[in-house]
Amino acid sequence: MNFKVENNKNHTTFRCSFEKLDSLVASELKALFLDQSNKGSNTFVVDLSQIKYCDSSGLSALLVGNRILKDKEGQFIIFGLNPMVEKIINISQLDTVFNIFNSEDDALNNLI
């Protein structure tokens, strides 16, 4: 498994344990988002601090998580962006779509 899922009292944290969020692992992340949503979670906090590379498949997986929770009126947060990952998110103009924070503490302090 490429992700660690932590179910907390009011949110679910997804921790990526590798350096690339690409087509090889994106489908696993999408499945985890769907699974946790089906189990009743409506707040996802995604730790991208280990990710050094993200391609369109990785962005797609993040968008799926965001859309799942938007439909449930939930909250989707990402934090810990590496400069290269932040650049691809900004170029794709997804910085206006995602709730992005620098650290886990900042992310958790902004939970609704």
PDB file of N, CA and C in Angstrom:
ATOM      1  N   MET A   1       0.842  -1.182   0.000  1.00  0.00           N
ATOM      2  CA  MET A   1       0.000   0.000   0.000  1.00  0.00           C
ATOM      3  C   MET A   1       0.886   1.243   0.000  1.00  0.00           C
ATOM      4  N   ASN A   2       0.523   2.194  -0.853  1.00  0.00           N
ATOM      5  CA  ASN A   2       1.308   3.412  -1.009  1.00  0.00           C
ATOM      6  C   ASN A   2       0.815   4.564  -0.142  1.00  0.00           C
ATOM      7  N   PHE A   3      -0.257   4.338   0.583  1.00  0.00           N
ATOM      8  CA  PHE A   3      -0.854   5.390   1.403  1.00  0.00           C
ATOM      9  C   PHE A   3      -1.162   4.861   2.791  1.00  0.00           C
ATOM     10  N   LYS A   4      -1.025   5.731   3.756  1.00  0.00           N
ATOM     11  CA  LYS A   4      -1.443   5.411   5.112  1.00  0.00           C
ATOM     12  C   LYS A   4      -2.701   6.234   5.378  1.00  0.00           C
ATOM     13  N   VAL A   5      -3.761   5.554   5.792  1.00  0.00           N
ATOM     14  CA  VAL A   5      -5.031   6.213   6.072  1.00  0.00           C
ATOM     15  C   VAL A   5      -5.237   6.230   7.578  1.00  0.00           C
ATOM     16  N   GLU A   6      -5.456   7.423   8.117  1.00  0.00           N
ATOM     17  CA  GLU A   6      -5.672   7.583   9.551  1.00  0.00           C
ATOM     18  C   GLU A   6      -7.074   8.157   9.769  1.00  0.00           C
ATOM     19  N   ASN A   7      -7.922   7.389  10.406  1.00  0.00           N
ATOM     20  CA  ASN A   7      -9.268   7.872  10.724  1.00  0.00           C
ATOM     21  C   ASN A   7      -9.231   8.547  12.086  1.00  0.00           C
ATOM     22  N   ASN A   8      -9.467   9.831  12.086  1.00  0.00           N
ATOM     23  CA  ASN A   8      -9.474  10.622  13.299  1.00  0.00           C
ATOM     24  C   ASN A   8     -10.908  10.973  13.672  1.00  0.00           C
ATOM     25  N   LYS A   9     -11.068  11.636  14.772  1.00  0.00           N
ATOM     26  CA  LYS A   9     -12.402  11.958  15.280  1.00  0.00           C
ATOM     27  C   LYS A   9     -13.258  12.721  14.265  1.00  0.00           C
ATOM     28  N   ASN A  10     -12.690  13.751  13.648  1.00  0.00           N
ATOM     29  CA  ASN A  10     -13.481  14.597  12.758  1.00  0.00           C
ATOM     30  C   ASN A  10     -12.930  14.696  11.335  1.00  0.00           C
ATOM     31  N   HIS A  11     -11.942  13.859  10.988  1.00  0.00           N
ATOM     32  CA  HIS A  11     -11.381  13.892   9.641  1.00  0.00           C
ATOM     33  C   HIS A  11     -10.617  12.605   9.360  1.00  0.00           C
ATOM     34  N   THR A  12     -10.310  12.408   8.085  1.00  0.00           N
ATOM     35  CA  THR A  12      -9.478  11.288   7.658  1.00  0.00           C
ATOM     36  C   THR A  12      -8.226  11.860   7.012  1.00  0.00           C
ATOM     37  N   THR A  13      -7.061  11.402   7.476  1.00  0.00           N
ATOM     38  CA  THR A  13      -5.788  11.859   6.923  1.00  0.00           C
ATOM     39  C   THR A  13      -5.226  10.786   6.007  1.00  0.00           C
ATOM     40  N   PHE A  14      -4.772  11.230   4.843  1.00  0.00           N
ATOM     41  CA  PHE A  14      -4.128  10.357   3.873  1.00  0.00           C
ATOM     42  C   PHE A  14      -2.669  10.786   3.786  1.00  0.00           C
ATOM     43  N   ARG A  15      -1.751   9.862   4.083  1.00  0.00           N
ATOM     44  CA  ARG A  15      -0.329  10.157   4.014  1.00  0.00           C
ATOM     45  C   ARG A  15       0.290   9.348   2.882  1.00  0.00           C
ATOM     46  N   CYS A  16       0.952  10.063   1.986  1.00  0.00           N
ATOM     47  CA  CYS A  16       1.615   9.428   0.854  1.00  0.00           C
ATOM     48  C   CYS A  16       3.006   8.985   1.297  1.00  0.00           C
ATOM     49  N   SER A  17       3.351   7.731   1.046  1.00  0.00           N
ATOM     50  CA  SER A  17       4.618   7.190   1.527  1.00  0.00           C
ATOM     51  C   SER A  17       5.607   6.941   0.382  1.00  0.00           C
ATOM     52  N   PHE A  18       5.602   7.813  -0.609  1.00  0.00           N
ATOM     53  CA  PHE A  18       6.453   7.662  -1.777  1.00  0.00           C
ATOM     54  C   PHE A  18       6.718   9.043  -2.343  1.00  0.00           C
ATOM     55  N   GLU A  19       7.469   9.119  -3.437  1.00  0.00           N
ATOM     56  CA  GLU A  19       7.855  10.424  -3.976  1.00  0.00           C
ATOM     57  C   GLU A  19       7.093  10.845  -5.224  1.00  0.00           C
ATOM     58  N   LYS A  20       6.370   9.929  -5.852  1.00  0.00           N
ATOM     59  CA  LYS A  20       5.675  10.259  -7.095  1.00  0.00           C
ATOM     60  C   LYS A  20       4.185   9.973  -6.974  1.00  0.00           C
ATOM     61  N   LEU A  21       3.397  10.986  -7.300  1.00  0.00           N
ATOM     62  CA  LEU A  21       1.951  10.813  -7.393  1.00  0.00           C
ATOM     63  C   LEU A  21       1.644  10.811  -8.893  1.00  0.00           C
ATOM     64  N   ASP A  22       1.662   9.615  -9.455  1.00  0.00           N
ATOM     65  CA  ASP A  22       1.510   9.476 -10.903  1.00  0.00           C
ATOM     66  C   ASP A  22       0.513   8.365 -11.229  1.00  0.00           C
ATOM     67  N   SER A  23       0.480   7.964 -12.488  1.00  0.00           N
ATOM     68  CA  SER A  23      -0.513   6.980 -12.938  1.00  0.00           C
ATOM     69  C   SER A  23      -0.366   5.626 -12.252  1.00  0.00           C
ATOM     70  N   LEU A  24       0.790   5.342 -11.700  1.00  0.00           N
ATOM     71  CA  LEU A  24       0.995   4.050 -11.033  1.00  0.00           C
ATOM     72  C   LEU A  24       0.275   3.959  -9.695  1.00  0.00           C
ATOM     73  N   VAL A  25       0.015   5.096  -9.060  1.00  0.00           N
ATOM     74  CA  VAL A  25      -0.606   5.080  -7.730  1.00  0.00           C
ATOM     75  C   VAL A  25      -1.897   5.893  -7.650  1.00  0.00           C
ATOM     76  N   ALA A  26      -2.189   6.672  -8.677  1.00  0.00           N
ATOM     77  CA  ALA A  26      -3.364   7.548  -8.642  1.00  0.00           C
ATOM     78  C   ALA A  26      -4.667   6.774  -8.470  1.00  0.00           C
ATOM     79  N   SER A  27      -4.787   5.637  -9.126  1.00  0.00           N
ATOM     80  CA  SER A  27      -6.028   4.863  -9.014  1.00  0.00           C
ATOM     81  C   SER A  27      -6.223   4.339  -7.590  1.00  0.00           C
ATOM     82  N   GLU A  28      -5.130   4.011  -6.909  1.00  0.00           N
ATOM     83  CA  GLU A  28      -5.228   3.569  -5.508  1.00  0.00           C
ATOM     84  C   GLU A  28      -5.748   4.703  -4.626  1.00  0.00           C
ATOM     85  N   LEU A  29      -5.245   5.911  -4.856  1.00  0.00           N
ATOM     86  CA  LEU A  29      -5.694   7.053  -4.058  1.00  0.00           C
ATOM     87  C   LEU A  29      -7.171   7.347  -4.314  1.00  0.00           C
ATOM     88  N   LYS A  30      -7.592   7.296  -5.569  1.00  0.00           N
ATOM     89  CA  LYS A  30      -9.007   7.505  -5.890  1.00  0.00           C
ATOM     90  C   LYS A  30      -9.881   6.483  -5.175  1.00  0.00           C
ATOM     91  N   ALA A  31      -9.452   5.229  -5.195  1.00  0.00           N
ATOM     92  CA  ALA A  31     -10.219   4.163  -4.534  1.00  0.00           C
ATOM     93  C   ALA A  31     -10.290   4.407  -3.027  1.00  0.00           C
ATOM     94  N   LEU A  32      -9.200   4.859  -2.431  1.00  0.00           N
ATOM     95  CA  LEU A  32      -9.203   5.156  -0.993  1.00  0.00           C
ATOM     96  C   LEU A  32     -10.151   6.305  -0.666  1.00  0.00           C
ATOM     97  N   PHE A  33     -10.149   7.337  -1.504  1.00  0.00           N
ATOM     98  CA  PHE A  33     -11.074   8.460  -1.296  1.00  0.00           C
ATOM     99  C   PHE A  33     -12.518   7.960  -1.325  1.00  0.00           C
ATOM    100  N   LEU A  34     -12.837   7.171  -2.319  1.00  0.00           N
ATOM    101  CA  LEU A  34     -14.194   6.650  -2.460  1.00  0.00           C
ATOM    102  C   LEU A  34     -14.561   5.751  -1.279  1.00  0.00           C
ATOM    103  N   ASP A  35     -13.641   4.885  -0.892  1.00  0.00           N
ATOM    104  CA  ASP A  35     -13.879   3.973   0.227  1.00  0.00           C
ATOM    105  C   ASP A  35     -14.141   4.740   1.525  1.00  0.00           C
ATOM    106  N   GLN A  36     -13.316   5.713   1.822  1.00  0.00           N
ATOM    107  CA  GLN A  36     -13.482   6.470   3.066  1.00  0.00           C
ATOM    108  C   GLN A  36     -14.755   7.315   3.031  1.00  0.00           C
ATOM    109  N   SER A  37     -15.091   7.829   1.871  1.00  0.00           N
ATOM    110  CA  SER A  37     -16.337   8.577   1.733  1.00  0.00           C
ATOM    111  C   SER A  37     -17.533   7.671   1.993  1.00  0.00           C
ATOM    112  N   ASN A  38     -17.490   6.464   1.431  1.00  0.00           N
ATOM    113  CA  ASN A  38     -18.573   5.500   1.632  1.00  0.00           C
ATOM    114  C   ASN A  38     -18.693   5.068   3.086  1.00  0.00           C
ATOM    115  N   LYS A  39     -17.592   5.157   3.827  1.00  0.00           N
ATOM    116  CA  LYS A  39     -17.609   4.824   5.254  1.00  0.00           C
ATOM    117  C   LYS A  39     -18.070   5.995   6.119  1.00  0.00           C
ATOM    118  N   GLY A  40     -18.400   7.122   5.479  1.00  0.00           N
ATOM    119  CA  GLY A  40     -18.975   8.244   6.196  1.00  0.00           C
ATOM    120  C   GLY A  40     -18.061   9.433   6.431  1.00  0.00           C
ATOM    121  N   SER A  41     -16.820   9.344   6.031  1.00  0.00           N
ATOM    122  CA  SER A  41     -15.914  10.484   6.222  1.00  0.00           C
ATOM    123  C   SER A  41     -16.282  11.600   5.253  1.00  0.00           C
ATOM    124  N   ASN A  42     -16.347  12.816   5.763  1.00  0.00           N
ATOM    125  CA  ASN A  42     -16.633  13.949   4.885  1.00  0.00           C
ATOM    126  C   ASN A  42     -15.592  15.057   5.016  1.00  0.00           C
ATOM    127  N   THR A  43     -14.449  14.744   5.636  1.00  0.00           N
ATOM    128  CA  THR A  43     -13.327  15.669   5.698  1.00  0.00           C
ATOM    129  C   THR A  43     -12.045  14.883   5.442  1.00  0.00           C
ATOM    130  N   PHE A  44     -11.364  15.248   4.341  1.00  0.00           N
ATOM    131  CA  PHE A  44     -10.107  14.608   3.986  1.00  0.00           C
ATOM    132  C   PHE A  44      -8.979  15.613   4.144  1.00  0.00           C
ATOM    133  N   VAL A  45      -7.896  15.185   4.794  1.00  0.00           N
ATOM    134  CA  VAL A  45      -6.672  15.966   4.916  1.00  0.00           C
ATOM    135  C   VAL A  45      -5.577  15.138   4.255  1.00  0.00           C
ATOM    136  N   VAL A  46      -4.972  15.664   3.196  1.00  0.00           N
ATOM    137  CA  VAL A  46      -4.011  14.902   2.404  1.00  0.00           C
ATOM    138  C   VAL A  46      -2.607  15.479   2.596  1.00  0.00           C
ATOM    139  N   ASP A  47      -1.718  14.639   3.110  1.00  0.00           N
ATOM    140  CA  ASP A  47      -0.319  15.009   3.357  1.00  0.00           C
ATOM    141  C   ASP A  47       0.503  14.692   2.111  1.00  0.00           C
ATOM    142  N   LEU A  48       0.950  15.746   1.431  1.00  0.00           N
ATOM    143  CA  LEU A  48       1.756  15.576   0.218  1.00  0.00           C
ATOM    144  C   LEU A  48       3.225  15.900   0.464  1.00  0.00           C
ATOM    145  N   SER A  49       3.646  15.949   1.702  1.00  0.00           N
ATOM    146  CA  SER A  49       5.006  16.387   2.027  1.00  0.00           C
ATOM    147  C   SER A  49       6.095  15.469   1.467  1.00  0.00           C
ATOM    148  N   GLN A  50       5.791  14.203   1.196  1.00  0.00           N
ATOM    149  CA  GLN A  50       6.779  13.274   0.629  1.00  0.00           C
ATOM    150  C   GLN A  50       6.799  13.300  -0.897  1.00  0.00           C
ATOM    151  N   ILE A  51       5.789  13.927  -1.510  1.00  0.00           N
ATOM    152  CA  ILE A  51       5.653  13.924  -2.965  1.00  0.00           C
ATOM    153  C   ILE A  51       6.582  14.959  -3.588  1.00  0.00           C
ATOM    154  N   LYS A  52       7.441  14.485  -4.490  1.00  0.00           N
ATOM    155  CA  LYS A  52       8.355  15.380  -5.195  1.00  0.00           C
ATOM    156  C   LYS A  52       7.957  15.558  -6.666  1.00  0.00           C
ATOM    157  N   TYR A  53       7.050  14.690  -7.141  1.00  0.00           N
ATOM    158  CA  TYR A  53       6.614  14.742  -8.533  1.00  0.00           C
ATOM    159  C   TYR A  53       5.139  14.376  -8.603  1.00  0.00           C
ATOM    160  N   CYS A  54       4.404  15.130  -9.382  1.00  0.00           N
ATOM    161  CA  CYS A  54       2.982  14.854  -9.576  1.00  0.00           C
ATOM    162  C   CYS A  54       2.655  15.089 -11.050  1.00  0.00           C
ATOM    163  N   ASP A  55       1.997  14.120 -11.676  1.00  0.00           N
ATOM    164  CA  ASP A  55       1.592  14.296 -13.070  1.00  0.00           C
ATOM    165  C   ASP A  55       0.080  14.495 -13.152  1.00  0.00           C
ATOM    166  N   SER A  56      -0.448  14.499 -14.358  1.00  0.00           N
ATOM    167  CA  SER A  56      -1.882  14.761 -14.543  1.00  0.00           C
ATOM    168  C   SER A  56      -2.749  13.702 -13.873  1.00  0.00           C
ATOM    169  N   SER A  57      -2.275  12.465 -13.810  1.00  0.00           N
ATOM    170  CA  SER A  57      -3.031  11.410 -13.123  1.00  0.00           C
ATOM    171  C   SER A  57      -3.117  11.693 -11.626  1.00  0.00           C
ATOM    172  N   GLY A  58      -2.035  12.178 -11.065  1.00  0.00           N
ATOM    173  CA  GLY A  58      -2.028  12.550  -9.650  1.00  0.00           C
ATOM    174  C   GLY A  58      -2.962  13.707  -9.374  1.00  0.00           C
ATOM    175  N   LEU A  59      -2.928  14.714 -10.246  1.00  0.00           N
ATOM    176  CA  LEU A  59      -3.848  15.846 -10.094  1.00  0.00           C
ATOM    177  C   LEU A  59      -5.293  15.369 -10.222  1.00  0.00           C
ATOM    178  N   SER A  60      -5.529  14.461 -11.136  1.00  0.00           N
ATOM    179  CA  SER A  60      -6.865  13.909 -11.327  1.00  0.00           C
ATOM    180  C   SER A  60      -7.351  13.214 -10.059  1.00  0.00           C
ATOM    181  N   ALA A  61      -6.470  12.453  -9.406  1.00  0.00           N
ATOM    182  CA  ALA A  61      -6.848  11.766  -8.170  1.00  0.00           C
ATOM    183  C   ALA A  61      -7.245  12.783  -7.097  1.00  0.00           C
ATOM    184  N   LEU A  62      -6.481  13.860  -6.983  1.00  0.00           N
ATOM    185  CA  LEU A  62      -6.806  14.899  -6.003  1.00  0.00           C
ATOM    186  C   LEU A  62      -8.143  15.567  -6.341  1.00  0.00           C
ATOM    187  N   LEU A  63      -8.380  15.783  -7.616  1.00  0.00           N
ATOM    188  CA  LEU A  63      -9.653  16.377  -8.034  1.00  0.00           C
ATOM    189  C   LEU A  63     -10.830  15.457  -7.725  1.00  0.00           C
ATOM    190  N   VAL A  64     -10.634  14.158  -7.862  1.00  0.00           N
ATOM    191  CA  VAL A  64     -11.690  13.193  -7.533  1.00  0.00           C
ATOM    192  C   VAL A  64     -12.040  13.306  -6.051  1.00  0.00           C
ATOM    193  N   GLY A  65     -11.018  13.324  -5.202  1.00  0.00           N
ATOM    194  CA  GLY A  65     -11.266  13.479  -3.763  1.00  0.00           C
ATOM    195  C   GLY A  65     -11.997  14.762  -3.455  1.00  0.00           C
ATOM    196  N   ASN A  66     -11.578  15.841  -4.095  1.00  0.00           N
ATOM    197  CA  ASN A  66     -12.224  17.133  -3.895  1.00  0.00           C
ATOM    198  C   ASN A  66     -13.683  17.101  -4.338  1.00  0.00           C
ATOM    199  N   ARG A  67     -13.950  16.482  -5.487  1.00  0.00           N
ATOM    200  CA  ARG A  67     -15.317  16.420  -6.026  1.00  0.00           C
ATOM    201  C   ARG A  67     -16.224  15.553  -5.151  1.00  0.00           C
ATOM    202  N   ILE A  68     -15.693  14.425  -4.668  1.00  0.00           N
ATOM    203  CA  ILE A  68     -16.479  13.551  -3.790  1.00  0.00           C
ATOM    204  C   ILE A  68     -16.967  14.335  -2.578  1.00  0.00           C
ATOM    205  N   LEU A  69     -16.071  15.097  -1.979  1.00  0.00           N
ATOM    206  CA  LEU A  69     -16.458  15.823  -0.768  1.00  0.00           C
ATOM    207  C   LEU A  69     -17.283  17.066  -1.070  1.00  0.00           C
ATOM    208  N   LYS A  70     -17.071  17.656  -2.223  1.00  0.00           N
ATOM    209  CA  LYS A  70     -17.900  18.797  -2.604  1.00  0.00           C
ATOM    210  C   LYS A  70     -19.353  18.357  -2.736  1.00  0.00           C
ATOM    211  N   ASP A  71     -19.558  17.175  -3.327  1.00  0.00           N
ATOM    212  CA  ASP A  71     -20.910  16.634  -3.470  1.00  0.00           C
ATOM    213  C   ASP A  71     -21.550  16.343  -2.108  1.00  0.00           C
ATOM    214  N   LYS A  72     -20.726  16.020  -1.122  1.00  0.00           N
ATOM    215  CA  LYS A  72     -21.221  15.723   0.235  1.00  0.00           C
ATOM    216  C   LYS A  72     -21.188  16.958   1.145  1.00  0.00           C
ATOM    217  N   GLU A  73     -20.837  18.100   0.552  1.00  0.00           N
ATOM    218  CA  GLU A  73     -20.653  19.341   1.317  1.00  0.00           C
ATOM    219  C   GLU A  73     -19.623  19.149   2.428  1.00  0.00           C
ATOM    220  N   GLY A  74     -18.563  18.420   2.085  1.00  0.00           N
ATOM    221  CA  GLY A  74     -17.473  18.169   3.015  1.00  0.00           C
ATOM    222  C   GLY A  74     -16.307  19.102   2.763  1.00  0.00           C
ATOM    223  N   GLN A  75     -15.157  18.732   3.310  1.00  0.00           N
ATOM    224  CA  GLN A  75     -13.976  19.580   3.209  1.00  0.00           C
ATOM    225  C   GLN A  75     -12.780  18.738   2.753  1.00  0.00           C
ATOM    226  N   PHE A  76     -12.053  19.235   1.751  1.00  0.00           N
ATOM    227  CA  PHE A  76     -10.878  18.576   1.195  1.00  0.00           C
ATOM    228  C   PHE A  76      -9.699  19.520   1.338  1.00  0.00           C
ATOM    229  N   ILE A  77      -8.675  19.082   2.075  1.00  0.00           N
ATOM    230  CA  ILE A  77      -7.514  19.928   2.368  1.00  0.00           C
ATOM    231  C   ILE A  77      -6.252  19.182   1.993  1.00  0.00           C
ATOM    232  N   ILE A  78      -5.300  19.898   1.391  1.00  0.00           N
ATOM    233  CA  ILE A  78      -3.978  19.332   1.151  1.00  0.00           C
ATOM    234  C   ILE A  78      -2.937  20.228   1.812  1.00  0.00           C
ATOM    235  N   PHE A  79      -1.829  19.599   2.205  1.00  0.00           N
ATOM    236  CA  PHE A  79      -0.749  20.385   2.818  1.00  0.00           C
ATOM    237  C   PHE A  79       0.604  19.749   2.506  1.00  0.00           C
ATOM    238  N   GLY A  80       1.648  20.540   2.751  1.00  0.00           N
ATOM    239  CA  GLY A  80       3.013  20.044   2.607  1.00  0.00           C
ATOM    240  C   GLY A  80       3.507  19.966   1.174  1.00  0.00           C
ATOM    241  N   LEU A  81       3.143  20.947   0.354  1.00  0.00           N
ATOM    242  CA  LEU A  81       3.525  20.889  -1.055  1.00  0.00           C
ATOM    243  C   LEU A  81       5.006  21.171  -1.268  1.00  0.00           C
ATOM    244  N   ASN A  82       5.655  20.269  -1.973  1.00  0.00           N
ATOM    245  CA  ASN A  82       7.010  20.465  -2.461  1.00  0.00           C
ATOM    246  C   ASN A  82       6.942  21.574  -3.517  1.00  0.00           C
ATOM    247  N   PRO A  83       7.998  22.402  -3.679  1.00  0.00           N
ATOM    248  CA  PRO A  83       7.949  23.487  -4.683  1.00  0.00           C
ATOM    249  C   PRO A  83       7.565  23.033  -6.095  1.00  0.00           C
ATOM    250  N   MET A  84       8.021  21.856  -6.518  1.00  0.00           N
ATOM    251  CA  MET A  84       7.672  21.388  -7.871  1.00  0.00           C
ATOM    252  C   MET A  84       6.196  21.003  -7.959  1.00  0.00           C
ATOM    253  N   VAL A  85       5.669  20.413  -6.915  1.00  0.00           N
ATOM    254  CA  VAL A  85       4.249  20.045  -6.904  1.00  0.00           C
ATOM    255  C   VAL A  85       3.400  21.315  -6.837  1.00  0.00           C
ATOM    256  N   GLU A  86       3.830  22.254  -6.027  1.00  0.00           N
ATOM    257  CA  GLU A  86       3.103  23.531  -5.938  1.00  0.00           C
ATOM    258  C   GLU A  86       3.081  24.227  -7.293  1.00  0.00           C
ATOM    259  N   LYS A  87       4.183  24.154  -8.008  1.00  0.00           N
ATOM    260  CA  LYS A  87       4.263  24.790  -9.328  1.00  0.00           C
ATOM    261  C   LYS A  87       3.262  24.180 -10.300  1.00  0.00           C
ATOM    262  N   ILE A  88       3.176  22.849 -10.340  1.00  0.00           N
ATOM    263  CA  ILE A  88       2.231  22.194 -11.273  1.00  0.00           C
ATOM    264  C   ILE A  88       0.789  22.499 -10.881  1.00  0.00           C
ATOM    265  N   ILE A  89       0.514  22.598  -9.590  1.00  0.00           N
ATOM    266  CA  ILE A  89      -0.836  22.945  -9.136  1.00  0.00           C
ATOM    267  C   ILE A  89      -1.164  24.381  -9.528  1.00  0.00           C
ATOM    268  N   ASN A  90      -0.194  25.278  -9.372  1.00  0.00           N
ATOM    269  CA  ASN A  90      -0.415  26.677  -9.745  1.00  0.00           C
ATOM    270  C   ASN A  90      -0.573  26.837 -11.257  1.00  0.00           C
ATOM    271  N   ILE A  91       0.261  26.170 -12.037  1.00  0.00           N
ATOM    272  CA  ILE A  91       0.169  26.252 -13.499  1.00  0.00           C
ATOM    273  C   ILE A  91      -1.190  25.735 -13.968  1.00  0.00           C
ATOM    274  N   SER A  92      -1.667  24.692 -13.313  1.00  0.00           N
ATOM    275  CA  SER A  92      -2.971  24.105 -13.659  1.00  0.00           C
ATOM    276  C   SER A  92      -4.129  24.926 -13.096  1.00  0.00           C
ATOM    277  N   GLN A  93      -3.816  25.973 -12.374  1.00  0.00           N
ATOM    278  CA  GLN A  93      -4.789  26.855 -11.718  1.00  0.00           C
ATOM    279  C   GLN A  93      -5.672  26.109 -10.714  1.00  0.00           C
ATOM    280  N   LEU A  94      -5.129  25.027 -10.171  1.00  0.00           N
ATOM    281  CA  LEU A  94      -5.867  24.271  -9.162  1.00  0.00           C
ATOM    282  C   LEU A  94      -5.678  24.849  -7.770  1.00  0.00           C
ATOM    283  N   ASP A  95      -4.786  25.833  -7.655  1.00  0.00           N
ATOM    284  CA  ASP A  95      -4.625  26.518  -6.373  1.00  0.00           C
ATOM    285  C   ASP A  95      -5.889  27.286  -6.008  1.00  0.00           C
ATOM    286  N   THR A  96      -6.734  27.543  -6.995  1.00  0.00           N
ATOM    287  CA  THR A  96      -8.014  28.214  -6.726  1.00  0.00           C
ATOM    288  C   THR A  96      -9.116  27.208  -6.391  1.00  0.00           C
ATOM    289  N   VAL A  97      -8.839  25.925  -6.602  1.00  0.00           N
ATOM    290  CA  VAL A  97      -9.811  24.858  -6.360  1.00  0.00           C
ATOM    291  C   VAL A  97      -9.577  24.199  -5.011  1.00  0.00           C
ATOM    292  N   PHE A  98      -8.308  23.912  -4.716  1.00  0.00           N
ATOM    293  CA  PHE A  98      -7.962  23.191  -3.492  1.00  0.00           C
ATOM    294  C   PHE A  98      -7.773  24.132  -2.306  1.00  0.00           C
ATOM    295  N   ASN A  99      -8.054  23.622  -1.114  1.00  0.00           N
ATOM    296  CA  ASN A  99      -7.687  24.294   0.134  1.00  0.00           C
ATOM    297  C   ASN A  99      -6.282  23.814   0.468  1.00  0.00           C
ATOM    298  N   ILE A 100      -5.296  24.695   0.326  1.00  0.00           N
ATOM    299  CA  ILE A 100      -3.892  24.333   0.480  1.00  0.00           C
ATOM    300  C   ILE A 100      -3.306  25.041   1.696  1.00  0.00           C
ATOM    301  N   PHE A 101      -2.578  24.263   2.514  1.00  0.00           N
ATOM    302  CA  PHE A 101      -1.921  24.820   3.688  1.00  0.00           C
ATOM    303  C   PHE A 101      -0.476  24.348   3.720  1.00  0.00           C
ATOM    304  N   ASN A 102       0.363  25.117   4.396  1.00  0.00           N
ATOM    305  CA  ASN A 102       1.789  24.796   4.457  1.00  0.00           C
ATOM    306  C   ASN A 102       2.089  23.600   5.350  1.00  0.00           C
ATOM    307  N   SER A 103       1.399  23.522   6.468  1.00  0.00           N
ATOM    308  CA  SER A 103       1.723  22.484   7.445  1.00  0.00           C
ATOM    309  C   SER A 103       0.460  21.752   7.892  1.00  0.00           C
ATOM    310  N   GLU A 104       0.672  20.622   8.544  1.00  0.00           N
ATOM    311  CA  GLU A 104      -0.448  19.863   9.072  1.00  0.00           C
ATOM    312  C   GLU A 104      -1.181  20.651  10.154  1.00  0.00           C
ATOM    313  N   ASP A 105      -0.432  21.350  10.993  1.00  0.00           N
ATOM    314  CA  ASP A 105      -1.064  22.167  12.037  1.00  0.00           C
ATOM    315  C   ASP A 105      -1.979  23.225  11.433  1.00  0.00           C
ATOM    316  N   ASP A 106      -1.489  23.914  10.384  1.00  0.00           N
ATOM    317  CA  ASP A 106      -2.321  24.919   9.714  1.00  0.00           C
ATOM    318  C   ASP A 106      -3.569  24.273   9.117  1.00  0.00           C
ATOM    319  N   ALA A 107      -3.395  23.117   8.507  1.00  0.00           N
ATOM    320  CA  ALA A 107      -4.533  22.416   7.902  1.00  0.00           C
ATOM    321  C   ALA A 107      -5.570  22.040   8.965  1.00  0.00           C
ATOM    322  N   LEU A 108      -5.114  21.464  10.052  1.00  0.00           N
ATOM    323  CA  LEU A 108      -6.043  21.026  11.107  1.00  0.00           C
ATOM    324  C   LEU A 108      -6.715  22.199  11.805  1.00  0.00           C
ATOM    325  N   ASN A 109      -6.008  23.317  11.885  1.00  0.00           N
ATOM    326  CA  ASN A 109      -6.603  24.507  12.501  1.00  0.00           C
ATOM    327  C   ASN A 109      -7.687  25.135  11.627  1.00  0.00           C
ATOM    328  N   ASN A 110      -7.741  24.733  10.362  1.00  0.00           N
ATOM    329  CA  ASN A 110      -8.748  25.291   9.454  1.00  0.00           C
ATOM    330  C   ASN A 110      -9.872  24.316   9.135  1.00  0.00           C
ATOM    331  N   LEU A 111      -9.977  23.248   9.897  1.00  0.00           N
ATOM    332  CA  LEU A 111     -11.108  22.340   9.720  1.00  0.00           C
ATOM    333  C   LEU A 111     -12.383  23.033  10.170  1.00  0.00           C
ATOM    334  N   ILE A 112     -13.445  22.776   9.451  1.00  0.00           N
ATOM    335  CA  ILE A 112     -14.738  23.371   9.810  1.00  0.00           C
ATOM    336  C   ILE A 112     -15.377  22.548  10.906  1.00  0.00           C
TER     337      ILE A 112
END
